[in-house]
Protein backbone atom coordinates (compact mmCIF):
# COMPACT_ATOMS: atom_id res chain seq x y z
CA MET A 1 -36.06 125.65 29.11
CA THR A 2 -37.42 128.84 27.55
CA LYS A 3 -40.05 128.41 24.87
CA TYR A 4 -39.64 130.71 21.87
CA LEU A 5 -42.55 131.79 19.72
CA GLU A 6 -42.99 133.16 16.21
CA LYS A 7 -42.04 136.84 15.92
CA GLY A 8 -44.04 137.59 12.76
CA ARG A 9 -47.45 136.98 14.33
CA LEU A 10 -46.77 139.41 17.18
CA GLU A 11 -45.50 142.05 14.74
CA ALA A 12 -48.58 141.61 12.53
CA MET A 13 -50.95 141.95 15.48
CA SER A 14 -49.14 145.06 16.71
CA ASP A 15 -49.14 146.64 13.25
CA GLY A 16 -52.87 145.98 12.97
CA VAL A 17 -53.64 147.51 16.36
CA PHE A 18 -51.59 150.65 15.61
CA ALA A 19 -53.25 151.05 12.18
CA ILE A 20 -56.72 150.76 13.70
CA LEU A 21 -55.85 153.24 16.47
CA MET A 22 -54.61 155.80 13.97
CA THR A 23 -57.83 155.40 12.00
CA LEU A 24 -60.09 155.60 15.06
CA LEU A 25 -58.63 158.98 16.00
CA VAL A 26 -60.39 160.67 13.10
CA LEU A 27 -63.75 159.75 14.64
CA ASN A 28 -63.06 162.40 17.29
CA LEU A 29 -63.46 165.03 14.57
CA ASP A 30 -67.22 165.42 14.81
CA VAL A 31 -68.67 167.33 11.85
CA THR A 32 -72.14 167.18 13.42
CA GLN A 33 -71.00 169.96 15.75
CA ILE A 34 -71.36 172.29 12.75
CA SER A 35 -74.90 173.47 12.16
CA ASN A 36 -76.54 172.60 8.83
CA GLN A 37 -77.49 176.23 8.25
CA VAL A 38 -74.04 177.69 8.68
CA THR A 39 -72.90 180.35 6.19
CA GLN A 40 -69.46 180.53 4.57
CA ILE A 41 -68.27 182.94 7.27
CA GLY A 42 -69.97 180.86 9.93
CA LEU A 43 -68.23 177.74 8.61
CA LYS A 44 -64.83 179.36 9.21
CA ASP A 45 -65.87 180.12 12.79
CA ALA A 46 -67.26 176.63 13.28
CA LEU A 47 -64.03 175.08 11.97
CA TRP A 48 -62.05 177.36 14.27
CA HIS A 49 -64.02 175.99 17.22
CA LEU A 50 -63.00 172.49 16.13
CA MET A 51 -59.29 173.39 16.36
CA PRO A 52 -58.80 171.65 19.74
CA GLU A 53 -60.09 168.42 18.15
CA PHE A 54 -57.78 168.90 15.13
CA TRP A 55 -54.83 169.59 17.43
CA GLY A 56 -55.64 166.51 19.54
CA PHE A 57 -55.98 164.38 16.40
CA VAL A 58 -52.62 165.51 15.00
CA LEU A 59 -50.82 165.16 18.34
CA ALA A 60 -52.23 161.70 19.08
CA PHE A 61 -51.67 160.53 15.49
CA PHE A 62 -47.99 161.43 15.60
CA LEU A 63 -47.54 159.97 19.08
CA ILE A 64 -49.09 156.68 17.93
CA ALA A 65 -46.83 156.81 14.87
CA THR A 66 -43.87 157.31 17.23
CA PHE A 67 -44.92 154.29 19.30
CA TRP A 68 -45.33 152.18 16.16
CA LEU A 69 -41.94 153.28 14.84
CA THR A 70 -40.29 152.52 18.18
CA HIS A 71 -41.95 149.12 18.25
CA THR A 72 -40.89 148.38 14.66
CA LYS A 73 -37.29 149.41 15.27
CA GLN A 74 -37.08 147.36 18.47
CA TYR A 75 -38.38 144.25 16.75
CA ARG A 76 -36.08 144.65 13.74
CA HIS A 77 -33.23 143.10 15.73
CA VAL A 78 -35.24 140.58 17.72
CA ASN A 79 -34.58 137.06 16.52
CA LYS A 80 -36.81 135.18 18.96
CA VAL A 81 -39.85 135.96 21.09
CA THR A 82 -40.75 134.70 24.56
CA GLU A 83 -44.10 134.73 26.33
CA GLY A 84 -42.70 137.46 28.58
CA LEU A 85 -42.06 139.71 25.59
CA ILE A 86 -45.52 138.96 24.24
CA TRP A 87 -47.13 140.05 27.52
CA ILE A 88 -45.07 143.25 27.68
CA THR A 89 -46.13 144.01 24.10
CA ILE A 90 -49.78 143.29 24.91
CA LEU A 91 -49.58 145.58 27.93
CA GLY A 92 -48.19 148.33 25.69
CA LEU A 93 -51.01 147.76 23.21
CA LEU A 94 -53.56 147.88 26.03
CA PHE A 95 -52.49 151.38 27.00
CA SER A 96 -52.14 152.36 23.34
CA THR A 97 -55.78 151.48 22.73
CA LEU A 98 -56.68 154.10 25.35
CA ILE A 99 -55.20 156.89 23.22
CA PRO A 100 -58.38 157.61 21.19
CA PHE A 101 -60.35 157.83 24.46
CA SER A 102 -57.77 159.96 26.27
CA THR A 103 -57.49 162.21 23.20
CA SER A 104 -61.25 162.66 23.07
CA LEU A 105 -61.31 163.40 26.79
CA MET A 106 -58.52 165.96 26.42
CA THR A 107 -60.14 167.78 23.49
CA GLU A 108 -63.70 167.64 24.83
CA TYR A 109 -62.89 168.94 28.32
CA SER A 110 -60.37 171.74 28.52
CA ALA A 111 -59.40 170.81 32.05
CA MET A 112 -56.18 169.89 33.79
CA THR A 113 -57.54 166.46 34.77
CA ALA A 114 -58.29 165.58 31.13
CA ASP A 115 -54.84 166.77 30.00
CA LEU A 116 -53.16 164.81 32.78
CA PHE A 117 -55.11 161.66 31.90
CA PHE A 118 -53.83 161.91 28.30
CA GLN A 119 -50.27 162.68 29.42
CA ILE A 120 -50.14 159.84 31.95
CA ASN A 121 -51.47 157.50 29.25
CA ILE A 122 -48.58 158.57 26.99
CA LEU A 123 -46.07 158.32 29.87
CA VAL A 124 -47.11 154.74 30.69
CA ILE A 125 -46.72 153.67 27.04
CA GLY A 126 -43.30 155.32 26.87
CA LEU A 127 -42.19 153.54 30.05
CA ILE A 128 -43.45 150.22 28.68
CA ASN A 129 -41.32 150.80 25.56
CA VAL A 130 -38.27 151.34 27.79
CA TRP A 131 -39.12 148.19 29.76
CA GLN A 132 -39.65 146.22 26.54
CA TRP A 133 -36.22 147.18 25.17
CA HIS A 134 -34.56 146.34 28.49
CA TYR A 135 -36.32 142.96 28.52
CA ILE A 136 -35.30 142.26 24.92
CA GLY A 137 -31.64 143.00 25.71
CA SER A 138 -31.47 141.24 29.06
CA SER A 139 -33.31 138.14 27.81
CA LYS A 140 -30.83 137.66 24.97
CA LEU A 141 -33.53 137.95 22.32
CA LEU A 142 -31.44 140.23 20.07
CA ASP A 143 -29.54 138.93 17.11
CA LYS A 144 -25.78 138.76 17.55
CA THR A 145 -25.07 141.75 15.28
CA VAL A 146 -26.41 144.20 17.88
CA ASP A 147 -23.55 145.56 19.96
CA LYS A 148 -23.60 147.10 23.44
CA PHE A 149 -23.30 150.66 22.08
CA TYR A 150 -26.41 150.25 19.91
CA ARG A 151 -28.37 148.73 22.81
CA LYS A 152 -27.50 151.70 25.03
CA ARG A 153 -28.30 154.18 22.26
CA VAL A 154 -31.77 152.69 21.73
CA PHE A 155 -32.34 152.61 25.50
CA TYR A 156 -31.56 156.34 25.81
CA LYS A 157 -33.61 157.09 22.73
CA ASN A 158 -36.56 155.29 24.32
CA LEU A 159 -36.18 157.49 27.42
CA VAL A 160 -36.83 160.69 25.43
CA LEU A 161 -40.61 160.28 25.28
CA PRO A 162 -41.11 159.55 29.00
CA ALA A 163 -38.72 162.39 29.92
CA VAL A 164 -40.52 164.90 27.70
CA THR A 165 -43.88 163.66 29.00
CA LEU A 166 -42.76 164.21 32.60
CA VAL A 167 -41.83 167.79 31.67
CA VAL A 168 -45.22 168.25 29.99
CA ILE A 169 -46.97 166.89 33.09
CA GLY A 170 -45.00 169.29 35.28
CA VAL A 171 -45.89 172.27 33.09
CA THR A 172 -49.55 171.20 33.11
CA ILE A 173 -49.57 171.01 36.91
CA LEU A 174 -48.06 174.49 37.03
CA GLY A 175 -51.12 175.64 35.09
CA SER A 176 -49.99 176.26 31.53
CA GLU A 177 -52.62 175.84 28.83
CA TRP A 178 -49.82 175.40 26.29
CA SER A 179 -48.14 172.44 27.98
CA MET A 180 -49.05 170.00 25.19
CA LEU A 181 -46.71 171.91 22.87
CA GLY A 182 -43.93 170.31 24.89
CA PHE A 183 -44.46 167.13 22.87
CA MET A 184 -42.99 169.06 19.91
CA LEU A 185 -39.63 168.65 21.66
CA ILE A 186 -39.56 164.94 20.82
CA PRO A 187 -38.66 165.23 17.11
CA ILE A 188 -36.24 168.09 17.90
CA ILE A 189 -34.41 166.05 20.56
CA MET A 190 -34.36 162.99 18.30
CA SER A 191 -32.92 164.90 15.35
CA VAL A 192 -30.28 166.71 17.44
CA PHE A 193 -29.07 163.90 19.71
CA PHE A 194 -29.87 160.71 17.81
CA ARG A 195 -28.99 161.42 14.20
CA LYS A 196 -27.07 158.66 12.49
């Protein structure tokens, strides 16, 4: 017999982890890189040199927000939780907690290896979200109001992030410094193909 656990505790823990991760990202913006004796013109230059850190912060912040939103929407229709679902969620949170590190690595070292580490981190989280939704549907954890069409729609929606990340990884391997802009495709694809 399957043992079901309380859904609210898992949601609260996940919300807390995502909130902390989003807050930790700002610590990558290191003001100490700016000299104390910088002039007004020099400050503009110094801020310009921090642009990779700002870009990494914004990108990672919105990706974490996307993961949180996906998680929230998946759990909206879950009426019971199993230990299996808890462990899948914890695995997703484990890789999510790497985002501040992988973001810092990406912005600190302008190298393909650092970019790929960040991208693979994002890919793994996206794949875990796909796995989580599949598990929720196949384990009959959804409430009865969720029909087959909605389950398929959410499944395909969850595939967008891993698919875009695979494209970004491919572009990175081909040597483009602008590959991270590929993540901008996510909201475009979502708004075009998955509008209500």
